[in-house]
């Protein structure tokens, strides 16, 4: 339960099956992007950052 859940799979290239799968819920931090805006939610507090260049992960 909870507001947020996630699925991470280790599929690469043209593979059809993932080697590892991680399923989770109720994360301690939520990271999302839309356009050039990155949003972090932690302990109910929301922070937004502008993605200036490169990967969105570089803004984290």
N, C-alpha and C. Protein backbone atom coordinates (compact mmCIF):
# COMPACT_ATOMS: atom_id res chain seq x y z
N UNK A 1 0.79 -1.18 0.00
CA UNK A 1 0.00 0.00 0.00
C UNK A 1 0.83 1.25 0.00
N UNK A 2 0.16 2.33 0.00
CA UNK A 2 0.82 3.62 0.00
C UNK A 2 0.56 4.36 -1.30
N UNK A 3 0.94 5.61 -1.32
CA UNK A 3 0.69 6.44 -2.49
C UNK A 3 1.64 6.12 -3.64
N UNK A 4 2.87 5.70 -3.33
CA UNK A 4 3.86 5.44 -4.37
C UNK A 4 4.34 4.00 -4.30
N UNK A 5 4.55 3.41 -5.48
CA UNK A 5 5.15 2.08 -5.58
C UNK A 5 6.07 2.10 -6.80
N UNK A 6 6.93 1.08 -6.93
CA UNK A 6 7.87 1.08 -8.04
C UNK A 6 8.27 -0.33 -8.43
N UNK A 7 8.71 -0.47 -9.68
CA UNK A 7 9.23 -1.71 -10.23
C UNK A 7 10.51 -1.37 -10.97
N UNK A 8 11.61 -2.00 -10.60
CA UNK A 8 12.89 -1.82 -11.28
C UNK A 8 13.30 -3.17 -11.86
N UNK A 9 13.65 -3.19 -13.15
CA UNK A 9 14.07 -4.43 -13.79
C UNK A 9 15.43 -4.22 -14.45
N UNK A 10 16.23 -5.29 -14.52
CA UNK A 10 17.59 -5.19 -15.03
C UNK A 10 17.71 -5.53 -16.52
N UNK A 11 16.68 -5.29 -17.31
CA UNK A 11 16.71 -5.60 -18.74
C UNK A 11 17.66 -4.64 -19.45
N UNK A 12 18.50 -5.19 -20.34
CA UNK A 12 19.41 -4.37 -21.13
C UNK A 12 19.29 -4.75 -22.59
N UNK A 13 19.51 -3.80 -23.46
CA UNK A 13 19.53 -4.08 -24.89
C UNK A 13 18.26 -4.75 -25.38
N UNK A 14 18.44 -5.83 -26.15
CA UNK A 14 17.30 -6.53 -26.74
C UNK A 14 16.81 -7.71 -25.92
N UNK A 15 17.24 -7.82 -24.67
CA UNK A 15 16.82 -8.94 -23.83
C UNK A 15 15.32 -8.91 -23.60
N UNK A 16 14.73 -10.09 -23.46
CA UNK A 16 13.30 -10.18 -23.20
C UNK A 16 13.01 -10.38 -21.72
N UNK A 17 13.96 -10.90 -20.98
CA UNK A 17 13.75 -11.19 -19.56
C UNK A 17 14.76 -10.44 -18.71
N UNK A 18 14.33 -9.98 -17.59
CA UNK A 18 15.22 -9.29 -16.66
C UNK A 18 15.93 -10.31 -15.78
N UNK A 19 17.15 -10.02 -15.42
CA UNK A 19 17.88 -10.89 -14.51
C UNK A 19 17.41 -10.67 -13.08
N UNK A 20 17.17 -9.41 -12.73
CA UNK A 20 16.69 -9.07 -11.39
C UNK A 20 15.47 -8.16 -11.49
N UNK A 21 14.55 -8.32 -10.57
CA UNK A 21 13.38 -7.45 -10.47
C UNK A 21 13.24 -7.01 -9.01
N UNK A 22 12.98 -5.74 -8.80
CA UNK A 22 12.76 -5.21 -7.46
C UNK A 22 11.40 -4.52 -7.45
N UNK A 23 10.54 -4.93 -6.56
CA UNK A 23 9.22 -4.36 -6.41
C UNK A 23 9.15 -3.75 -5.02
N UNK A 24 8.70 -2.51 -4.92
CA UNK A 24 8.66 -1.86 -3.61
C UNK A 24 7.51 -0.88 -3.49
N UNK A 25 7.27 -0.47 -2.26
CA UNK A 25 6.24 0.53 -1.99
C UNK A 25 6.68 1.38 -0.80
N UNK A 26 6.00 2.49 -0.61
CA UNK A 26 6.27 3.42 0.48
C UNK A 26 7.75 3.83 0.53
N UNK A 27 8.28 4.42 -0.56
CA UNK A 27 9.69 4.81 -0.60
C UNK A 27 9.98 5.98 0.34
N UNK A 28 11.22 6.08 0.79
CA UNK A 28 11.60 7.19 1.68
C UNK A 28 11.78 8.49 0.90
N UNK A 29 12.14 8.39 -0.38
CA UNK A 29 12.30 9.56 -1.25
C UNK A 29 11.66 9.26 -2.60
N UNK A 30 10.92 10.22 -3.15
CA UNK A 30 10.33 10.10 -4.48
C UNK A 30 11.02 11.11 -5.38
N UNK A 31 11.55 10.65 -6.51
CA UNK A 31 12.20 11.51 -7.49
C UNK A 31 11.41 11.41 -8.78
N UNK A 32 10.97 12.54 -9.32
CA UNK A 32 10.25 12.53 -10.59
C UNK A 32 10.71 13.71 -11.44
N UNK A 33 10.56 13.56 -12.75
CA UNK A 33 10.92 14.64 -13.66
C UNK A 33 9.79 14.89 -14.64
N UNK A 34 9.68 16.13 -15.05
CA UNK A 34 8.75 16.52 -16.11
C UNK A 34 9.39 17.69 -16.82
N UNK A 35 9.68 17.48 -18.10
CA UNK A 35 10.40 18.51 -18.83
C UNK A 35 11.77 18.71 -18.22
N UNK A 36 12.11 19.94 -17.86
CA UNK A 36 13.42 20.24 -17.27
C UNK A 36 13.32 20.44 -15.76
N UNK A 37 12.20 20.00 -15.14
CA UNK A 37 12.01 20.16 -13.70
C UNK A 37 12.10 18.82 -13.00
N UNK A 38 12.96 18.74 -12.01
CA UNK A 38 13.11 17.56 -11.17
C UNK A 38 12.44 17.85 -9.83
N UNK A 39 11.61 16.95 -9.36
CA UNK A 39 10.91 17.12 -8.09
C UNK A 39 11.34 16.02 -7.13
N UNK A 40 11.73 16.41 -5.92
CA UNK A 40 12.08 15.47 -4.85
C UNK A 40 11.04 15.61 -3.74
N UNK A 41 10.52 14.49 -3.26
CA UNK A 41 9.60 14.50 -2.12
C UNK A 41 10.20 13.60 -1.05
N UNK A 42 10.46 14.17 0.13
CA UNK A 42 11.04 13.43 1.25
C UNK A 42 10.38 13.90 2.54
N UNK A 43 9.87 12.97 3.32
CA UNK A 43 9.19 13.28 4.58
C UNK A 43 8.08 14.32 4.39
N UNK A 44 7.36 14.22 3.29
CA UNK A 44 6.25 15.14 3.04
C UNK A 44 6.65 16.51 2.53
N UNK A 45 7.96 16.77 2.42
CA UNK A 45 8.45 18.06 1.92
C UNK A 45 8.84 17.93 0.46
N UNK A 46 8.42 18.88 -0.35
CA UNK A 46 8.68 18.85 -1.78
C UNK A 46 9.70 19.91 -2.16
N UNK A 47 10.68 19.53 -2.98
CA UNK A 47 11.70 20.45 -3.47
C UNK A 47 11.80 20.29 -4.98
N UNK A 48 11.87 21.41 -5.70
CA UNK A 48 12.01 21.35 -7.15
C UNK A 48 13.35 21.94 -7.56
N UNK A 49 13.96 21.29 -8.56
CA UNK A 49 15.24 21.75 -9.11
C UNK A 49 15.13 21.80 -10.62
N UNK A 50 15.85 22.74 -11.21
CA UNK A 50 15.90 22.82 -12.67
C UNK A 50 17.03 21.93 -13.17
N UNK A 51 16.73 21.16 -14.21
CA UNK A 51 17.76 20.33 -14.84
C UNK A 51 18.40 21.19 -15.92
N UNK A 52 19.64 21.60 -15.69
CA UNK A 52 20.29 22.54 -16.61
C UNK A 52 20.85 21.83 -17.84
N UNK A 53 21.44 20.65 -17.65
CA UNK A 53 21.96 19.88 -18.79
C UNK A 53 22.25 18.46 -18.34
N UNK A 54 22.37 17.59 -19.31
CA UNK A 54 22.72 16.21 -19.02
C UNK A 54 21.58 15.38 -18.47
N UNK A 55 21.94 14.35 -17.76
CA UNK A 55 20.99 13.40 -17.20
C UNK A 55 20.24 13.99 -16.01
N UNK A 56 18.95 13.67 -15.87
CA UNK A 56 18.21 14.11 -14.68
C UNK A 56 18.86 13.64 -13.38
N UNK A 57 19.54 12.49 -13.40
CA UNK A 57 20.20 12.00 -12.19
C UNK A 57 21.34 12.90 -11.73
N UNK A 58 21.94 13.66 -12.65
CA UNK A 58 23.01 14.57 -12.26
C UNK A 58 22.47 15.72 -11.41
N UNK A 59 21.18 16.02 -11.51
CA UNK A 59 20.56 17.09 -10.71
C UNK A 59 20.25 16.63 -9.29
N UNK A 60 20.24 15.32 -9.06
CA UNK A 60 19.95 14.78 -7.73
C UNK A 60 21.18 14.97 -6.90
